[in-house]
């Protein structure tokens, strides 16, 4: 049994350290759910416009029972942390 077996991690991050964190967690047994934007990741072309409301509805069932999430955002951009 691996150290993080039974932990579910929801990853919607791109480009920053969170994708590497998700890989590290998966390597140690966590169940990682990786979701990219509807229009494609930032580094890929072409990008189609995304419908935010549709994306939010699609994500809801995926987040059930998740223990932690990675967004790739700094805490102050979500209303937390020091400014």
C-alpha atoms as a PDB file:
ATOM      1  CA  UNK A   1       0.000   0.000   0.000  1.00  0.00           C
ATOM      2  CA  UNK A   2       1.324   3.432  -0.958  1.00  0.00           C
ATOM      3  CA  UNK A   3       1.419   6.401   1.411  1.00  0.00           C
ATOM      4  CA  UNK A   4      -1.372   8.356  -0.329  1.00  0.00           C
ATOM      5  CA  UNK A   5      -3.704   5.488  -1.240  1.00  0.00           C
ATOM      6  CA  UNK A   6      -7.319   6.564  -0.779  1.00  0.00           C
ATOM      7  CA  UNK A   7      -6.609  10.299  -1.259  1.00  0.00           C
ATOM      8  CA  UNK A   8      -8.434  11.961  -4.192  1.00  0.00           C
ATOM      9  CA  UNK A   9      -6.798  15.073  -5.697  1.00  0.00           C
ATOM     10  CA  UNK A  10      -8.624  17.227  -8.239  1.00  0.00           C
ATOM     11  CA  UNK A  11      -6.224  19.124 -10.514  1.00  0.00           C
ATOM     12  CA  UNK A  12      -7.320  21.996 -12.763  1.00  0.00           C
ATOM     13  CA  UNK A  13      -3.917  23.669 -12.839  1.00  0.00           C
ATOM     14  CA  UNK A  14      -1.770  24.489 -15.847  1.00  0.00           C
ATOM     15  CA  UNK A  15       1.795  25.655 -16.445  1.00  0.00           C
ATOM     16  CA  UNK A  16       2.858  26.181 -12.812  1.00  0.00           C
ATOM     17  CA  UNK A  17       4.039  23.875 -10.019  1.00  0.00           C
ATOM     18  CA  UNK A  18       0.646  22.237  -9.396  1.00  0.00           C
ATOM     19  CA  UNK A  19       0.904  19.829 -12.385  1.00  0.00           C
ATOM     20  CA  UNK A  20       4.212  18.559 -10.962  1.00  0.00           C
ATOM     21  CA  UNK A  21       2.573  18.285  -7.542  1.00  0.00           C
ATOM     22  CA  UNK A  22      -0.254  16.218  -9.031  1.00  0.00           C
ATOM     23  CA  UNK A  23       2.287  13.847 -10.597  1.00  0.00           C
ATOM     24  CA  UNK A  24       4.123  13.525  -7.277  1.00  0.00           C
ATOM     25  CA  UNK A  25       0.863  12.733  -5.463  1.00  0.00           C
ATOM     26  CA  UNK A  26      -0.090  10.140  -8.108  1.00  0.00           C
ATOM     27  CA  UNK A  27       3.368   8.555  -7.882  1.00  0.00           C
ATOM     28  CA  UNK A  28       2.697   8.032  -4.159  1.00  0.00           C
ATOM     29  CA  UNK A  29      -0.724   6.441  -4.616  1.00  0.00           C
ATOM     30  CA  UNK A  30      -3.206   9.326  -4.741  1.00  0.00           C
ATOM     31  CA  UNK A  31      -6.100   9.166  -7.192  1.00  0.00           C
ATOM     32  CA  UNK A  32      -5.536  12.288  -9.336  1.00  0.00           C
ATOM     33  CA  UNK A  33      -8.277  13.708 -11.552  1.00  0.00           C
ATOM     34  CA  UNK A  34      -6.727  16.071 -14.157  1.00  0.00           C
ATOM     35  CA  UNK A  35      -9.090  18.397 -16.014  1.00  0.00           C
ATOM     36  CA  UNK A  36      -7.970  20.863 -18.679  1.00  0.00           C
ATOM     37  CA  UNK A  37      -9.847  23.907 -19.953  1.00  0.00           C
ATOM     38  CA  UNK A  38     -12.487  23.441 -22.653  1.00  0.00           C
ATOM     39  CA  UNK A  39     -10.443  25.560 -25.031  1.00  0.00           C
ATOM     40  CA  UNK A  40      -7.276  23.540 -24.447  1.00  0.00           C
ATOM     41  CA  UNK A  41      -4.201  24.153 -22.300  1.00  0.00           C
ATOM     42  CA  UNK A  42      -2.457  27.523 -22.610  1.00  0.00           C
ATOM     43  CA  UNK A  43       0.542  26.072 -24.402  1.00  0.00           C
ATOM     44  CA  UNK A  44      -1.479  24.384 -27.144  1.00  0.00           C
ATOM     45  CA  UNK A  45      -2.984  25.875 -30.271  1.00  0.00           C
ATOM     46  CA  UNK A  46      -5.593  26.427 -31.550  1.00  0.00           C
ATOM     47  CA  UNK A  47      -7.720  27.386 -28.559  1.00  0.00           C
ATOM     48  CA  UNK A  48     -11.489  27.438 -28.878  1.00  0.00           C
ATOM     49  CA  UNK A  49     -13.501  29.861 -26.739  1.00  0.00           C
ATOM     50  CA  UNK A  50     -14.726  28.272 -23.503  1.00  0.00           C
ATOM     51  CA  UNK A  51     -18.226  28.452 -22.050  1.00  0.00           C
ATOM     52  CA  UNK A  52     -17.583  28.998 -18.314  1.00  0.00           C
ATOM     53  CA  UNK A  53     -21.100  27.978 -17.205  1.00  0.00           C
ATOM     54  CA  UNK A  54     -20.858  24.729 -19.176  1.00  0.00           C
ATOM     55  CA  UNK A  55     -17.428  24.041 -17.686  1.00  0.00           C
ATOM     56  CA  UNK A  56     -18.662  24.563 -14.119  1.00  0.00           C
ATOM     57  CA  UNK A  57     -21.602  22.178 -14.661  1.00  0.00           C
ATOM     58  CA  UNK A  58     -19.258  19.555 -16.106  1.00  0.00           C
ATOM     59  CA  UNK A  59     -16.840  19.804 -13.157  1.00  0.00           C
ATOM     60  CA  UNK A  60     -19.425  19.354 -10.392  1.00  0.00           C
ATOM     61  CA  UNK A  61     -19.750  15.548 -10.563  1.00  0.00           C
ATOM     62  CA  UNK A  62     -15.969  15.152 -10.824  1.00  0.00           C
ATOM     63  CA  UNK A  63     -15.367  16.943  -7.525  1.00  0.00           C
ATOM     64  CA  UNK A  64     -17.584  14.663  -5.393  1.00  0.00           C
ATOM     65  CA  UNK A  65     -15.491  13.062  -2.661  1.00  0.00           C
ATOM     66  CA  UNK A  66     -12.312  14.969  -3.477  1.00  0.00           C
ATOM     67  CA  UNK A  67      -9.901  15.475  -0.550  1.00  0.00           C
ATOM     68  CA  UNK A  68      -7.805  18.299  -2.064  1.00  0.00           C
ATOM     69  CA  UNK A  69      -7.565  20.399  -5.225  1.00  0.00           C
ATOM     70  CA  UNK A  70      -4.801  22.120  -7.179  1.00  0.00           C
ATOM     71  CA  UNK A  71      -5.633  25.234  -9.146  1.00  0.00           C
ATOM     72  CA  UNK A  72      -2.214  26.713  -9.863  1.00  0.00           C
ATOM     73  CA  UNK A  73      -3.391  30.068  -8.501  1.00  0.00           C
ATOM     74  CA  UNK A  74      -1.688  32.123  -5.823  1.00  0.00           C
ATOM     75  CA  UNK A  75      -3.806  32.251  -2.616  1.00  0.00           C
ATOM     76  CA  UNK A  76      -4.323  36.023  -2.864  1.00  0.00           C
ATOM     77  CA  UNK A  77      -6.054  35.623  -6.249  1.00  0.00           C
ATOM     78  CA  UNK A  78      -8.736  33.493  -4.556  1.00  0.00           C
ATOM     79  CA  UNK A  79      -9.309  35.887  -1.646  1.00  0.00           C
ATOM     80  CA  UNK A  80      -6.925  34.178   0.796  1.00  0.00           C
ATOM     81  CA  UNK A  81      -3.361  34.785   1.917  1.00  0.00           C
ATOM     82  CA  UNK A  82      -1.605  38.069   2.514  1.00  0.00           C
ATOM     83  CA  UNK A  83      -1.663  40.890   0.008  1.00  0.00           C
END
